Amino acid sequence: MFLYSKLVSIYKKLDDDGVKMVENLFLKMIQESFPLVQRPFKKLGEELGISEGEALSLYAKLKDEKIIRNTSAILETKKVGYKSTLVAFSVDSIEKAAEYINTHPGVSHNYERDHEIFNLWFTLAVPSESSLGLEKTIEILANRTGAKDYIILPTIKMFKIGVVLDTTSTEPLKKDISEKHENKNLELTEFHKKILYYIQRDIPIKYEPFEGIIKELNCDYDSFFNEVNNLIQAGYIRRFATLLNHRKAGFTANAMVVWNVPEEFQELAGETIAKYTSVSHCYIRPKFPPKWNYNLFSMIHGKSREDLESIIDKISKEIQIKDYLPLYSLREFKKQRIDYFSPKFYEWEKLNSLHSLI
């Protein structure tokens, strides 16, 4: 923390590049972990060597500039009782298809990507109590959007999921990724579900951002943070952190790079790719030959198209895989956290099953 303090202590004397460096350090901190305390901006200020008010103002500035997307708990989908998958559709009327798909409360990401067949890619989650389930829900979505073809790509193995954009470096750095293990047995109570329902919402910009949740739950701060930490240790909450708008943060190029890796090498390749700080997600997913021959998926971010291509090339040489395909994001139709434990899931199923062929 000495570096942070030394830089920020001369904040007003810095030129534009110096100010940008301080802001990037701040963004890196809150992406990795946002303090779970009553007055988090006081703690952040202490670590940065600035006042609580200055830390809050800096956060507000970055939020106003839309560099910060939101700050909230990132839940573990499977652990909280939801089934999820990546889906690729082949559609003609892409805007209309995306608009309908976005009505489902379990769709968190929806992008147009530059593939010659599968042009609309989205993630979908449904609760375990769903009357339709994943496959039937996808069938309804396909029927209503006139999808000519589609593939369902569930996660077989996850190597990395964590969008921590390295705002402090221009190099495609590598970092050891230690696998997290659940180390606490915890039976999910109704109180825990209420905590999870509220803590997945974006925090307000105020000195005590958790004050509203405390009032909703009718508990004290100590009890709240104790149970939140229990949920983290038990694996229900992956982490509590800030997500950035990657384009506003300077990462103007990104692609979902898919790799055709021999089965015997796919785990080693996945572990290697996941160590790159430019990689936010890395999974093994199924192949569907002959129309889909890629099994290793990675989301890679760069500060320019050239930067991104350089990173992809570096990874390709390291894992010795030449058969890969970068699917660039052409349009973002939806990107938001799923509102878990919301009645909207069951409302959507009731409404849309009436208009389906079930």
Protein backbone atom coordinates (compact mmCIF):
# COMPACT_ATOMS: atom_id res chain seq x y z
CA MET A 1 0.00 0.00 0.00
CA PHE A 2 3.03 2.31 0.23
CA LEU A 3 2.95 2.88 -3.52
CA TYR A 4 -0.70 3.89 -3.41
CA SER A 5 -0.13 6.32 -0.55
CA LYS A 6 2.94 7.88 -2.12
CA LEU A 7 1.19 8.44 -5.43
CA VAL A 8 -2.02 9.83 -4.00
CA SER A 9 -0.30 12.09 -1.47
CA ILE A 10 0.90 14.22 -4.41
CA TYR A 11 -2.34 13.79 -6.41
CA LYS A 12 -2.85 17.52 -6.96
CA LYS A 13 0.71 17.98 -8.20
CA LEU A 14 0.48 15.26 -10.83
CA ASP A 15 -0.04 15.80 -14.53
CA ASP A 16 -2.87 14.12 -16.42
CA ASP A 17 -0.88 10.91 -16.84
CA GLY A 18 -0.17 10.79 -13.11
CA VAL A 19 -3.81 11.36 -12.20
CA LYS A 20 -4.82 8.58 -14.61
CA MET A 21 -2.31 6.25 -12.94
CA VAL A 22 -3.87 6.90 -9.52
CA GLU A 23 -7.37 6.30 -10.85
CA ASN A 24 -6.21 3.04 -12.43
CA LEU A 25 -4.72 1.88 -9.13
CA PHE A 26 -8.02 2.64 -7.41
CA LEU A 27 -9.94 0.70 -10.07
CA LYS A 28 -7.62 -2.26 -9.71
CA MET A 29 -8.18 -2.31 -5.94
CA ILE A 30 -11.97 -2.28 -6.02
CA GLN A 31 -12.13 -4.82 -8.85
CA GLU A 32 -10.13 -7.30 -6.79
CA SER A 33 -12.12 -6.77 -3.59
CA PHE A 34 -14.47 -4.07 -2.38
CA PRO A 35 -14.31 -3.70 1.45
CA LEU A 36 -17.14 -5.38 3.30
CA VAL A 37 -17.27 -2.94 6.20
CA GLN A 38 -19.71 -0.31 7.45
CA ARG A 39 -17.74 2.57 5.90
CA PRO A 40 -15.86 1.03 2.93
CA PHE A 41 -14.70 4.36 1.48
CA LYS A 42 -12.97 5.17 4.74
CA LYS A 43 -11.03 1.92 4.46
CA LEU A 44 -10.23 2.56 0.80
CA GLY A 45 -9.10 6.07 1.65
CA GLU A 46 -6.78 4.76 4.36
CA GLU A 47 -5.22 2.31 1.91
CA LEU A 48 -4.79 5.05 -0.70
CA GLY A 49 -3.61 7.75 1.69
CA ILE A 50 -6.59 10.02 1.05
CA SER A 51 -9.67 11.00 3.04
CA GLU A 52 -12.96 9.10 3.11
CA GLY A 53 -14.63 11.94 1.24
CA GLU A 54 -11.95 11.97 -1.46
CA ALA A 55 -12.29 8.21 -1.94
CA LEU A 56 -16.07 8.51 -2.24
CA SER A 57 -15.70 11.42 -4.68
CA LEU A 58 -13.26 9.44 -6.80
CA TYR A 59 -15.69 6.50 -6.92
CA ALA A 60 -18.56 8.87 -7.83
CA LYS A 61 -16.46 10.46 -10.59
CA LEU A 62 -15.60 7.09 -12.14
CA LYS A 63 -19.22 5.96 -11.85
CA ASP A 64 -20.44 9.19 -13.48
CA GLU A 65 -17.99 8.62 -16.34
CA LYS A 66 -19.51 5.12 -16.66
CA ILE A 67 -16.11 3.51 -16.20
CA ILE A 68 -17.53 1.72 -13.15
CA ARG A 69 -20.49 -0.42 -14.17
CA ASN A 70 -21.58 -1.62 -10.74
CA THR A 71 -20.39 -2.92 -7.37
CA SER A 72 -22.15 -5.88 -5.81
CA ALA A 73 -21.85 -9.52 -4.83
CA ILE A 74 -21.04 -11.98 -7.60
CA LEU A 75 -22.99 -15.13 -6.81
CA GLU A 76 -22.02 -18.68 -7.73
CA THR A 77 -24.85 -19.68 -10.08
CA LYS A 78 -24.78 -23.44 -9.50
CA LYS A 79 -24.29 -23.12 -5.76
CA VAL A 80 -27.37 -20.92 -5.29
CA GLY A 81 -29.51 -23.46 -7.14
CA TYR A 82 -29.52 -22.27 -10.75
CA LYS A 83 -28.61 -24.10 -13.93
CA SER A 84 -26.85 -22.10 -16.63
CA THR A 85 -25.37 -22.40 -20.09
CA LEU A 86 -23.98 -20.45 -23.01
CA VAL A 87 -26.21 -20.54 -26.09
CA ALA A 88 -25.51 -19.60 -29.71
CA PHE A 89 -28.36 -18.84 -32.13
CA SER A 90 -28.38 -18.44 -35.89
CA VAL A 91 -31.00 -15.78 -36.63
CA ASP A 92 -31.94 -13.40 -39.45
CA SER A 93 -33.70 -10.61 -37.56
CA ILE A 94 -31.01 -10.19 -34.94
CA GLU A 95 -32.38 -7.05 -33.25
CA LYS A 96 -35.86 -8.54 -32.80
CA ALA A 97 -34.40 -11.84 -31.62
CA ALA A 98 -32.16 -10.10 -29.10
CA GLU A 99 -35.06 -7.98 -27.84
CA TYR A 100 -37.15 -11.06 -27.09
CA ILE A 101 -34.29 -13.06 -25.57
CA ASN A 102 -33.54 -10.13 -23.28
CA THR A 103 -37.02 -10.41 -21.72
CA HIS A 104 -35.88 -13.53 -19.89
CA PRO A 105 -34.62 -12.55 -16.41
CA GLY A 106 -31.96 -15.27 -16.54
CA VAL A 107 -30.19 -13.76 -19.56
CA SER A 108 -27.20 -11.81 -18.24
CA HIS A 109 -25.14 -11.35 -21.44
CA ASN A 110 -26.34 -11.11 -25.03
CA TYR A 111 -24.01 -10.21 -27.91
CA GLU A 112 -23.85 -10.17 -31.65
CA ARG A 113 -20.59 -11.88 -32.67
CA ASP A 114 -18.96 -12.18 -36.07
CA HIS A 115 -19.51 -15.85 -36.86
CA GLU A 116 -20.78 -16.86 -40.29
CA ILE A 117 -23.51 -19.10 -38.85
CA PHE A 118 -24.01 -18.43 -35.14
CA ASN A 119 -24.38 -14.68 -34.79
CA LEU A 120 -26.24 -14.22 -31.48
CA TRP A 121 -24.61 -15.44 -28.25
CA PHE A 122 -26.19 -15.28 -24.82
CA THR A 123 -25.91 -16.80 -21.35
CA LEU A 124 -29.01 -18.20 -19.72
CA ALA A 125 -29.76 -19.34 -16.17
CA VAL A 126 -32.94 -20.83 -14.69
CA PRO A 127 -33.76 -21.82 -11.10
CA SER A 128 -33.78 -25.49 -10.15
CA GLU A 129 -37.53 -25.15 -9.48
CA SER A 130 -38.12 -24.02 -13.07
CA SER A 131 -41.14 -25.72 -14.63
CA LEU A 132 -39.49 -25.51 -18.06
CA GLY A 133 -35.81 -26.14 -17.39
CA LEU A 134 -32.97 -24.97 -19.59
CA GLU A 135 -33.63 -26.97 -22.74
CA LYS A 136 -37.35 -26.22 -22.94
CA THR A 137 -36.69 -22.54 -22.23
CA ILE A 138 -34.16 -22.46 -25.07
CA GLU A 139 -36.63 -24.22 -27.34
CA ILE A 140 -39.22 -21.52 -26.64
CA LEU A 141 -36.65 -18.79 -27.28
CA ALA A 142 -35.64 -20.47 -30.55
CA ASN A 143 -39.24 -20.85 -31.73
CA ARG A 144 -40.18 -17.26 -30.90
CA THR A 145 -37.07 -15.79 -32.57
CA GLY A 146 -37.16 -18.01 -35.65
CA ALA A 147 -33.70 -19.40 -34.98
CA LYS A 148 -32.51 -21.46 -37.94
CA ASP A 149 -30.09 -23.41 -35.77
CA TYR A 150 -28.62 -23.27 -32.29
CA ILE A 151 -26.10 -24.97 -30.02
CA ILE A 152 -26.21 -25.33 -26.24
CA LEU A 153 -22.77 -25.03 -24.66
CA PRO A 154 -22.79 -25.79 -20.90
CA THR A 155 -19.63 -25.54 -18.84
CA ILE A 156 -17.79 -28.84 -18.52
CA LYS A 157 -14.91 -27.35 -16.54
CA MET A 158 -14.24 -23.79 -15.44
CA PHE A 159 -10.67 -22.51 -15.16
CA LYS A 160 -11.40 -18.85 -14.57
CA ILE A 161 -14.31 -16.49 -14.16
CA GLY A 162 -13.46 -13.06 -12.94
CA VAL A 163 -13.44 -9.82 -14.84
CA VAL A 164 -10.52 -7.99 -13.23
CA LEU A 165 -9.17 -5.77 -15.97
CA ASP A 166 -5.55 -4.82 -15.32
CA THR A 167 -5.86 -1.06 -15.68
CA THR A 168 -2.31 -0.54 -14.43
CA SER A 169 -0.43 -2.41 -17.17
CA THR A 170 -0.14 -2.50 -20.94
CA GLU A 171 1.53 -5.90 -21.03
CA PRO A 172 -0.25 -9.28 -21.35
CA LEU A 173 0.89 -10.32 -17.89
CA LYS A 174 0.44 -13.75 -16.39
CA LYS A 175 -0.66 -14.44 -12.86
CA ASP A 176 -0.95 -17.67 -10.91
CA ILE A 177 -4.56 -18.73 -10.44
CA SER A 178 -5.21 -20.72 -7.29
CA GLU A 179 -8.36 -22.81 -7.38
CA LYS A 180 -10.89 -21.85 -4.73
CA HIS A 181 -12.40 -24.55 -2.61
CA GLU A 182 -15.47 -24.44 -0.45
CA ASN A 183 -14.25 -24.79 3.11
CA LYS A 184 -17.39 -24.16 5.12
CA ASN A 185 -20.57 -26.18 5.30
CA LEU A 186 -23.56 -23.87 5.43
CA GLU A 187 -27.21 -24.71 4.99
CA LEU A 188 -28.94 -21.90 3.13
CA THR A 189 -31.65 -20.37 5.32
CA GLU A 190 -34.38 -17.91 4.37
CA PHE A 191 -32.29 -15.17 6.02
CA HIS A 192 -29.34 -16.11 3.81
CA LYS A 193 -31.57 -15.97 0.74
CA LYS A 194 -32.70 -12.49 1.70
CA ILE A 195 -29.07 -11.41 2.08
CA LEU A 196 -28.24 -12.84 -1.35
CA TYR A 197 -31.27 -11.12 -2.88
CA TYR A 198 -30.23 -7.68 -1.64
CA ILE A 199 -26.43 -7.93 -1.84
CA GLN A 200 -26.44 -8.66 -5.57
CA ARG A 201 -27.74 -5.13 -6.20
CA ASP A 202 -25.46 -2.23 -7.12
CA ILE A 203 -24.39 -0.24 -4.06
CA PRO A 204 -25.51 3.40 -3.71
CA ILE A 205 -22.84 6.11 -3.69
CA LYS A 206 -22.83 7.05 -0.01
CA TYR A 207 -20.62 6.73 3.05
CA GLU A 208 -22.59 3.73 4.33
CA PRO A 209 -23.71 1.91 1.16
CA PHE A 210 -24.97 -1.15 3.07
CA GLU A 211 -27.29 0.89 5.30
CA GLY A 212 -30.36 0.18 3.16
CA ILE A 213 -29.78 -3.58 3.26
CA ILE A 214 -29.37 -3.47 7.04
CA LYS A 215 -32.75 -1.77 7.33
CA GLU A 216 -34.42 -4.23 4.94
CA LEU A 217 -33.04 -7.20 6.87
CA ASN A 218 -33.69 -5.59 10.27
CA CYS A 219 -30.28 -6.63 11.60
CA ASP A 220 -27.04 -4.99 12.73
CA TYR A 221 -23.85 -4.57 10.72
CA ASP A 222 -21.90 -7.21 12.63
CA SER A 223 -24.54 -9.89 12.01
CA PHE A 224 -24.83 -8.90 8.37
CA PHE A 225 -21.12 -8.98 7.57
CA ASN A 226 -20.64 -12.18 9.57
CA GLU A 227 -23.27 -13.97 7.48
CA VAL A 228 -21.93 -12.48 4.24
CA ASN A 229 -18.46 -13.83 5.07
CA ASN A 230 -20.02 -17.21 5.88
CA LEU A 231 -21.69 -17.20 2.45
CA ILE A 232 -18.37 -16.35 0.82
CA GLN A 233 -16.53 -19.12 2.69
CA ALA A 234 -19.26 -21.60 1.77
CA GLY A 235 -19.03 -20.69 -1.92
CA TYR A 236 -22.43 -19.03 -2.42
CA ILE A 237 -20.77 -15.67 -3.07
CA ARG A 238 -17.75 -15.78 -5.37
CA ARG A 239 -16.62 -12.32 -4.34
CA PHE A 240 -17.87 -8.81 -3.66
CA ALA A 241 -16.28 -6.42 -6.12
CA THR A 242 -16.61 -3.74 -8.77
CA LEU A 243 -17.16 -4.49 -12.45
CA LEU A 244 -16.02 -2.05 -15.09
CA ASN A 245 -17.39 -1.05 -18.43
CA HIS A 246 -14.40 -2.45 -20.28
CA ARG A 247 -14.65 -0.09 -23.24
CA LYS A 248 -14.87 2.99 -21.02
CA ALA A 249 -11.94 1.65 -19.00
CA GLY A 250 -9.77 1.62 -22.12
CA PHE A 251 -10.23 -2.01 -23.22
CA THR A 252 -11.86 -1.19 -26.52
CA ALA A 253 -11.33 -4.60 -28.13
CA ASN A 254 -12.53 -7.94 -26.84
CA ALA A 255 -13.22 -11.32 -28.36
CA MET A 256 -14.49 -14.69 -27.31
CA VAL A 257 -11.63 -16.82 -28.60
CA VAL A 258 -12.52 -20.46 -29.09
CA TRP A 259 -9.85 -23.15 -29.49
CA ASN A 260 -9.91 -26.63 -30.98
CA VAL A 261 -7.78 -28.49 -28.46
CA PRO A 262 -7.17 -32.26 -28.39
CA GLU A 263 -9.01 -33.71 -25.39
CA GLU A 264 -5.81 -34.92 -23.74
CA PHE A 265 -4.38 -31.38 -23.73
CA GLN A 266 -7.47 -29.29 -23.02
CA GLU A 267 -6.98 -29.02 -19.24
CA LEU A 268 -3.35 -27.98 -19.52
CA ALA A 269 -4.25 -25.44 -22.21
CA GLY A 270 -7.11 -24.08 -20.08
CA GLU A 271 -4.90 -23.66 -17.03
CA THR A 272 -2.28 -21.85 -19.13
CA ILE A 273 -4.76 -19.46 -20.77
CA ALA A 274 -6.42 -18.65 -17.43
CA LYS A 275 -3.15 -17.24 -16.05
CA TYR A 276 -3.20 -14.31 -18.47
CA THR A 277 -4.54 -11.14 -16.83
CA SER A 278 -6.11 -10.17 -20.17
CA VAL A 279 -8.31 -13.28 -19.93
CA SER A 280 -11.44 -12.87 -17.84
CA HIS A 281 -13.17 -16.21 -18.53
CA CYS A 282 -11.92 -19.65 -19.53
CA TYR A 283 -13.99 -22.84 -19.83
CA ILE A 284 -14.17 -26.25 -21.45
CA ARG A 285 -17.45 -26.66 -23.35
CA PRO A 286 -18.71 -29.46 -25.63
CA LYS A 287 -18.03 -29.80 -29.34
CA PHE A 288 -20.78 -30.41 -31.90
CA PRO A 289 -19.00 -31.64 -35.02
CA PRO A 290 -19.12 -30.94 -37.86
CA LYS A 291 -20.82 -27.56 -37.26
CA TRP A 292 -18.87 -26.68 -34.10
CA ASN A 293 -15.39 -28.06 -33.44
CA TYR A 294 -14.18 -25.84 -30.60
CA ASN A 295 -14.04 -26.95 -26.99
CA LEU A 296 -11.98 -24.35 -25.09
CA PHE A 297 -13.54 -20.90 -24.65
CA SER A 298 -11.74 -17.77 -23.48
CA MET A 299 -12.80 -14.13 -23.17
CA ILE A 300 -9.80 -11.95 -23.95
CA HIS A 301 -9.60 -8.15 -23.61
CA GLY A 302 -7.21 -5.70 -25.24
CA LYS A 303 -6.72 -1.95 -25.39
CA SER A 304 -6.85 -2.06 -29.19
CA ARG A 305 -7.51 -4.59 -31.96
CA GLU A 306 -3.75 -4.86 -32.51
CA ASP A 307 -3.14 -5.36 -28.79
CA LEU A 308 -5.78 -8.07 -28.63
CA GLU A 309 -4.42 -9.90 -31.68
CA SER A 310 -0.93 -9.79 -30.16
CA ILE A 311 -2.20 -11.41 -26.94
CA ILE A 312 -4.08 -14.10 -28.88
CA ASP A 313 -0.97 -14.84 -30.94
CA LYS A 314 1.16 -15.07 -27.79
CA ILE A 315 -1.30 -17.53 -26.22
CA SER A 316 -1.52 -19.56 -29.42
CA LYS A 317 2.25 -20.01 -29.51
CA GLU A 318 2.45 -20.93 -25.84
CA ILE A 319 -0.26 -23.62 -25.93
CA GLN A 320 0.78 -24.66 -29.48
CA ILE A 321 -2.73 -24.52 -30.89
CA LYS A 322 -3.21 -22.96 -34.31
CA ASP A 323 -6.84 -23.97 -34.83
CA TYR A 324 -8.67 -21.14 -33.09
CA LEU A 325 -11.34 -18.59 -33.90
CA PRO A 326 -11.67 -15.09 -32.41
CA LEU A 327 -15.34 -14.10 -32.27
CA TYR A 328 -15.37 -10.33 -31.89
CA SER A 329 -18.17 -8.52 -30.09
CA LEU A 330 -20.04 -6.48 -32.68
CA ARG A 331 -22.96 -5.29 -30.56
CA GLU A 332 -23.88 -5.61 -26.90
CA PHE A 333 -27.60 -6.19 -26.43
CA LYS A 334 -27.52 -6.97 -22.72
CA LYS A 335 -25.00 -7.11 -19.92
CA GLN A 336 -26.25 -7.15 -16.34
CA ARG A 337 -26.19 -9.25 -13.23
CA ILE A 338 -28.92 -11.84 -12.83
CA ASP A 339 -31.49 -10.94 -10.17
CA TYR A 340 -31.42 -14.27 -8.35
CA PHE A 341 -34.40 -15.28 -6.19
CA SER A 342 -36.64 -12.91 -8.13
CA PRO A 343 -40.28 -13.88 -8.89
CA LYS A 344 -39.68 -12.60 -12.45
CA PHE A 345 -38.37 -16.05 -13.46
CA TYR A 346 -41.69 -17.73 -12.71
CA GLU A 347 -43.68 -14.83 -14.19
CA TRP A 348 -41.74 -15.17 -17.45
CA GLU A 349 -42.34 -18.92 -17.59
CA LYS A 350 -46.05 -18.56 -16.90
CA LEU A 351 -46.48 -15.90 -19.58
CA ASN A 352 -44.31 -17.45 -22.27
CA SER A 353 -45.32 -21.07 -21.80
CA LEU A 354 -48.86 -20.01 -22.66
CA HIS A 355 -47.63 -18.86 -26.06
CA SER A 356 -45.31 -21.79 -26.74
CA LEU A 357 -45.90 -25.17 -28.21
CA ILE A 358 -45.72 -27.02 -24.87
